[in-house]
Amino acid sequence: MREHFGDAYAESWARDYVLAPLDGRTVVQALADGESAKSVWRAVCQVEDVSPRLR
C-alpha cells in the first residue's frame, strides 16, 4: 500500500476508506477481523487503479 499510495497517505487510506469488497470495512478493520493480507490487497486492487506490477 505504501508503494501505491505513498508513506503518509497509505496509513490514512487504510484506516478511513471503506471498501465494498470487504463488506463495508476498512483495510485496518478487515485485517483486525482476521482477513488475510492477500485478500485485503485484492480488495484494494478492485477499487483502486493499482499498477499491474504491484498486483
PDB file of N, CA and C in Angstrom:
ATOM      1  N   MET A   1       0.819  -1.175   0.000  1.00  0.00           N
ATOM      2  CA  MET A   1       0.000   0.000   0.000  1.00  0.00           C
ATOM      3  C   MET A   1       0.873   1.252   0.000  1.00  0.00           C
ATOM      4  N   ARG A   2       1.972   1.192   0.706  1.00  0.00           N
ATOM      5  CA  ARG A   2       2.837   2.383   0.740  1.00  0.00           C
ATOM      6  C   ARG A   2       3.408   2.704  -0.634  1.00  0.00           C
ATOM      7  N   GLU A   3       3.730   1.671  -1.387  1.00  0.00           N
ATOM      8  CA  GLU A   3       4.282   1.925  -2.720  1.00  0.00           C
ATOM      9  C   GLU A   3       3.223   2.529  -3.642  1.00  0.00           C
ATOM     10  N   HIS A   4       1.987   2.124  -3.497  1.00  0.00           N
ATOM     11  CA  HIS A   4       0.921   2.650  -4.346  1.00  0.00           C
ATOM     12  C   HIS A   4       0.460   4.040  -3.893  1.00  0.00           C
ATOM     13  N   PHE A   5       0.215   4.210  -2.600  1.00  0.00           N
ATOM     14  CA  PHE A   5      -0.364   5.452  -2.081  1.00  0.00           C
ATOM     15  C   PHE A   5       0.659   6.461  -1.564  1.00  0.00           C
ATOM     16  N   GLY A   6       1.864   6.000  -1.250  1.00  0.00           N
ATOM     17  CA  GLY A   6       2.847   6.862  -0.593  1.00  0.00           C
ATOM     18  C   GLY A   6       2.787   6.632   0.910  1.00  0.00           C
ATOM     19  N   ASP A   7       3.884   6.937   1.582  1.00  0.00           N
ATOM     20  CA  ASP A   7       4.000   6.643   3.015  1.00  0.00           C
ATOM     21  C   ASP A   7       2.912   7.294   3.854  1.00  0.00           C
ATOM     22  N   ALA A   8       2.692   8.563   3.677  1.00  0.00           N
ATOM     23  CA  ALA A   8       1.751   9.283   4.539  1.00  0.00           C
ATOM     24  C   ALA A   8       0.302   8.895   4.251  1.00  0.00           C
ATOM     25  N   TYR A   9      -0.055   8.796   2.997  1.00  0.00           N
ATOM     26  CA  TYR A   9      -1.454   8.563   2.641  1.00  0.00           C
ATOM     27  C   TYR A   9      -1.885   7.110   2.843  1.00  0.00           C
ATOM     28  N   ALA A  10      -0.986   6.167   2.719  1.00  0.00           N
ATOM     29  CA  ALA A  10      -1.341   4.744   2.845  1.00  0.00           C
ATOM     30  C   ALA A  10      -1.973   4.450   4.191  1.00  0.00           C
ATOM     31  N   GLU A  11      -1.388   4.958   5.248  1.00  0.00           N
ATOM     32  CA  GLU A  11      -1.912   4.701   6.585  1.00  0.00           C
ATOM     33  C   GLU A  11      -3.300   5.311   6.768  1.00  0.00           C
ATOM     34  N   SER A  12      -3.461   6.536   6.316  1.00  0.00           N
ATOM     35  CA  SER A  12      -4.761   7.211   6.414  1.00  0.00           C
ATOM     36  C   SER A  12      -5.814   6.479   5.584  1.00  0.00           C
ATOM     37  N   TRP A  13      -5.468   6.103   4.367  1.00  0.00           N
ATOM     38  CA  TRP A  13      -6.403   5.419   3.475  1.00  0.00           C
ATOM     39  C   TRP A  13      -6.841   4.091   4.079  1.00  0.00           C
ATOM     40  N   ALA A  14      -5.888   3.342   4.614  1.00  0.00           N
ATOM     41  CA  ALA A  14      -6.188   2.035   5.214  1.00  0.00           C
ATOM     42  C   ALA A  14      -7.111   2.171   6.425  1.00  0.00           C
ATOM     43  N   ARG A  15      -6.994   3.250   7.124  1.00  0.00           N
ATOM     44  CA  ARG A  15      -7.784   3.477   8.331  1.00  0.00           C
ATOM     45  C   ARG A  15      -9.173   4.051   8.024  1.00  0.00           C
ATOM     46  N   ASP A  16      -9.289   4.858   6.962  1.00  0.00           N
ATOM     47  CA  ASP A  16     -10.506   5.638   6.737  1.00  0.00           C
ATOM     48  C   ASP A  16     -11.377   5.210   5.556  1.00  0.00           C
ATOM     49  N   TYR A  17     -10.809   4.573   4.555  1.00  0.00           N
ATOM     50  CA  TYR A  17     -11.559   4.262   3.338  1.00  0.00           C
ATOM     51  C   TYR A  17     -12.311   2.943   3.494  1.00  0.00           C
ATOM     52  N   VAL A  18     -13.621   2.992   3.349  1.00  0.00           N
ATOM     53  CA  VAL A  18     -14.467   1.804   3.477  1.00  0.00           C
ATOM     54  C   VAL A  18     -14.592   1.145   2.106  1.00  0.00           C
ATOM     55  N   LEU A  19     -14.343  -0.160   2.062  1.00  0.00           N
ATOM     56  CA  LEU A  19     -14.367  -0.895   0.800  1.00  0.00           C
ATOM     57  C   LEU A  19     -15.556  -1.843   0.741  1.00  0.00           C
ATOM     58  N   ALA A  20     -16.336  -1.744  -0.308  1.00  0.00           N
ATOM     59  CA  ALA A  20     -17.465  -2.655  -0.508  1.00  0.00           C
ATOM     60  C   ALA A  20     -17.001  -4.112  -0.586  1.00  0.00           C
ATOM     61  N   PRO A  21     -15.883  -4.420  -1.297  1.00  0.00           N
ATOM     62  CA  PRO A  21     -15.446  -5.817  -1.357  1.00  0.00           C
ATOM     63  C   PRO A  21     -15.051  -6.399   0.005  1.00  0.00           C
ATOM     64  N   LEU A  22     -14.864  -5.534   0.983  1.00  0.00           N
ATOM     65  CA  LEU A  22     -14.558  -6.008   2.342  1.00  0.00           C
ATOM     66  C   LEU A  22     -15.780  -5.896   3.240  1.00  0.00           C
ATOM     67  N   ASP A  23     -16.949  -5.964   2.620  1.00  0.00           N
ATOM     68  CA  ASP A  23     -18.218  -5.907   3.362  1.00  0.00           C
ATOM     69  C   ASP A  23     -18.352  -4.629   4.186  1.00  0.00           C
ATOM     70  N   GLY A  24     -17.926  -3.509   3.594  1.00  0.00           N
ATOM     71  CA  GLY A  24     -18.091  -2.222   4.249  1.00  0.00           C
ATOM     72  C   GLY A  24     -17.096  -1.957   5.370  1.00  0.00           C
ATOM     73  N   ARG A  25     -15.975  -2.656   5.331  1.00  0.00           N
ATOM     74  CA  ARG A  25     -14.932  -2.433   6.342  1.00  0.00           C
ATOM     75  C   ARG A  25     -13.748  -1.716   5.708  1.00  0.00           C
ATOM     76  N   THR A  26     -12.939  -1.130   6.555  1.00  0.00           N
ATOM     77  CA  THR A  26     -11.681  -0.548   6.104  1.00  0.00           C
ATOM     78  C   THR A  26     -10.625  -1.651   6.058  1.00  0.00           C
ATOM     79  N   VAL A  27      -9.485  -1.342   5.487  1.00  0.00           N
ATOM     80  CA  VAL A  27      -8.367  -2.285   5.468  1.00  0.00           C
ATOM     81  C   VAL A  27      -7.984  -2.654   6.899  1.00  0.00           C
ATOM     82  N   VAL A  28      -7.873  -1.652   7.758  1.00  0.00           N
ATOM     83  CA  VAL A  28      -7.490  -1.890   9.147  1.00  0.00           C
ATOM     84  C   VAL A  28      -8.500  -2.798   9.839  1.00  0.00           C
ATOM     85  N   GLN A  29      -9.780  -2.540   9.642  1.00  0.00           N
ATOM     86  CA  GLN A  29     -10.824  -3.370  10.270  1.00  0.00           C
ATOM     87  C   GLN A  29     -10.774  -4.798   9.751  1.00  0.00           C
ATOM     88  N   ALA A  30     -10.642  -4.960   8.441  1.00  0.00           N
ATOM     89  CA  ALA A  30     -10.618  -6.300   7.851  1.00  0.00           C
ATOM     90  C   ALA A  30      -9.430  -7.108   8.372  1.00  0.00           C
ATOM     91  N   LEU A  31      -8.266  -6.477   8.445  1.00  0.00           N
ATOM     92  CA  LEU A  31      -7.096  -7.182   8.968  1.00  0.00           C
ATOM     93  C   LEU A  31      -7.284  -7.532  10.439  1.00  0.00           C
ATOM     94  N   ALA A  32      -7.866  -6.619  11.209  1.00  0.00           N
ATOM     95  CA  ALA A  32      -8.121  -6.887  12.628  1.00  0.00           C
ATOM     96  C   ALA A  32      -9.124  -8.022  12.807  1.00  0.00           C
ATOM     97  N   ASP A  33     -10.032  -8.180  11.834  1.00  0.00           N
ATOM     98  CA  ASP A  33     -11.022  -9.253  11.885  1.00  0.00           C
ATOM     99  C   ASP A  33     -10.460 -10.593  11.412  1.00  0.00           C
ATOM    100  N   GLY A  34      -9.193 -10.607  11.017  1.00  0.00           N
ATOM    101  CA  GLY A  34      -8.567 -11.863  10.628  1.00  0.00           C
ATOM    102  C   GLY A  34      -8.500 -12.138   9.136  1.00  0.00           C
ATOM    103  N   GLU A  35      -8.920 -11.190   8.300  1.00  0.00           N
ATOM    104  CA  GLU A  35      -8.792 -11.383   6.852  1.00  0.00           C
ATOM    105  C   GLU A  35      -7.303 -11.455   6.506  1.00  0.00           C
ATOM    106  N   SER A  36      -6.973 -12.253   5.527  1.00  0.00           N
ATOM    107  CA  SER A  36      -5.574 -12.348   5.127  1.00  0.00           C
ATOM    108  C   SER A  36      -5.158 -11.071   4.393  1.00  0.00           C
ATOM    109  N   ALA A  37      -3.886 -10.741   4.517  1.00  0.00           N
ATOM    110  CA  ALA A  37      -3.368  -9.559   3.832  1.00  0.00           C
ATOM    111  C   ALA A  37      -3.554  -9.687   2.321  1.00  0.00           C
ATOM    112  N   LYS A  38      -3.431 -10.888   1.813  1.00  0.00           N
ATOM    113  CA  LYS A  38      -3.589 -11.122   0.376  1.00  0.00           C
ATOM    114  C   LYS A  38      -5.019 -10.811  -0.089  1.00  0.00           C
ATOM    115  N   SER A  39      -6.019 -11.250   0.658  1.00  0.00           N
ATOM    116  CA  SER A  39      -7.401 -10.982   0.257  1.00  0.00           C
ATOM    117  C   SER A  39      -7.739  -9.498   0.419  1.00  0.00           C
ATOM    118  N   VAL A  40      -7.172  -8.867   1.413  1.00  0.00           N
ATOM    119  CA  VAL A  40      -7.396  -7.429   1.597  1.00  0.00           C
ATOM    120  C   VAL A  40      -6.752  -6.658   0.446  1.00  0.00           C
ATOM    121  N   TRP A  41      -5.547  -7.041   0.060  1.00  0.00           N
ATOM    122  CA  TRP A  41      -4.888  -6.366  -1.058  1.00  0.00           C
ATOM    123  C   TRP A  41      -5.679  -6.562  -2.347  1.00  0.00           C
ATOM    124  N   ARG A  42      -6.231  -7.724  -2.552  1.00  0.00           N
ATOM    125  CA  ARG A  42      -7.073  -7.953  -3.736  1.00  0.00           C
ATOM    126  C   ARG A  42      -8.271  -7.007  -3.736  1.00  0.00           C
ATOM    127  N   ALA A  43      -8.847  -6.787  -2.573  1.00  0.00           N
ATOM    128  CA  ALA A  43      -9.981  -5.862  -2.463  1.00  0.00           C
ATOM    129  C   ALA A  43      -9.543  -4.434  -2.800  1.00  0.00           C
ATOM    130  N   VAL A  44      -8.381  -4.039  -2.323  1.00  0.00           N
ATOM    131  CA  VAL A  44      -7.853  -2.714  -2.648  1.00  0.00           C
ATOM    132  C   VAL A  44      -7.682  -2.587  -4.154  1.00  0.00           C
ATOM    133  N   CYS A  45      -7.151  -3.611  -4.778  1.00  0.00           N
ATOM    134  CA  CYS A  45      -6.932  -3.594  -6.226  1.00  0.00           C
ATOM    135  C   CYS A  45      -8.246  -3.515  -7.007  1.00  0.00           C
ATOM    136  N   GLN A  46      -9.322  -3.999  -6.430  1.00  0.00           N
ATOM    137  CA  GLN A  46     -10.631  -3.920  -7.090  1.00  0.00           C
ATOM    138  C   GLN A  46     -11.159  -2.496  -7.138  1.00  0.00           C
ATOM    139  N   VAL A  47     -10.828  -1.692  -6.140  1.00  0.00           N
ATOM    140  CA  VAL A  47     -11.397  -0.340  -6.063  1.00  0.00           C
ATOM    141  C   VAL A  47     -10.419   0.754  -6.466  1.00  0.00           C
ATOM    142  N   GLU A  48      -9.150   0.420  -6.596  1.00  0.00           N
ATOM    143  CA  GLU A  48      -8.121   1.380  -6.960  1.00  0.00           C
ATOM    144  C   GLU A  48      -7.430   0.946  -8.249  1.00  0.00           C
ATOM    145  N   ASP A  49      -6.906   1.903  -8.963  1.00  0.00           N
ATOM    146  CA  ASP A  49      -6.154   1.622 -10.186  1.00  0.00           C
ATOM    147  C   ASP A  49      -4.703   1.329  -9.805  1.00  0.00           C
ATOM    148  N   VAL A  50      -4.488   0.120  -9.308  1.00  0.00           N
ATOM    149  CA  VAL A  50      -3.150  -0.291  -8.843  1.00  0.00           C
ATOM    150  C   VAL A  50      -2.359  -0.805 -10.037  1.00  0.00           C
ATOM    151  N   SER A  51      -1.128  -0.381 -10.106  1.00  0.00           N
ATOM    152  CA  SER A  51      -0.237  -0.818 -11.182  1.00  0.00           C
ATOM    153  C   SER A  51      -0.174  -2.334 -11.256  1.00  0.00           C
ATOM    154  N   PRO A  52      -0.195  -2.904 -12.451  1.00  0.00           N
ATOM    155  CA  PRO A  52      -0.103  -4.355 -12.589  1.00  0.00           C
ATOM    156  C   PRO A  52       1.129  -4.946 -11.900  1.00  0.00           C
ATOM    157  N   ARG A  53       2.213  -4.213 -11.836  1.00  0.00           N
ATOM    158  CA  ARG A  53       3.416  -4.735 -11.195  1.00  0.00           C
ATOM    159  C   ARG A  53       3.257  -4.863  -9.687  1.00  0.00           C
ATOM    160  N   LEU A  54       2.294  -4.169  -9.100  1.00  0.00           N
ATOM    161  CA  LEU A  54       2.055  -4.245  -7.659  1.00  0.00           C
ATOM    162  C   LEU A  54       0.953  -5.229  -7.305  1.00  0.00           C
ATOM    163  N   ARG A  55       0.237  -5.687  -8.280  1.00  0.00           N
ATOM    164  CA  ARG A  55      -0.907  -6.577  -8.016  1.00  0.00           C
ATOM    165  C   ARG A  55      -0.492  -7.931  -7.527  1.00  0.00           C
TER     166      ARG A  55
END
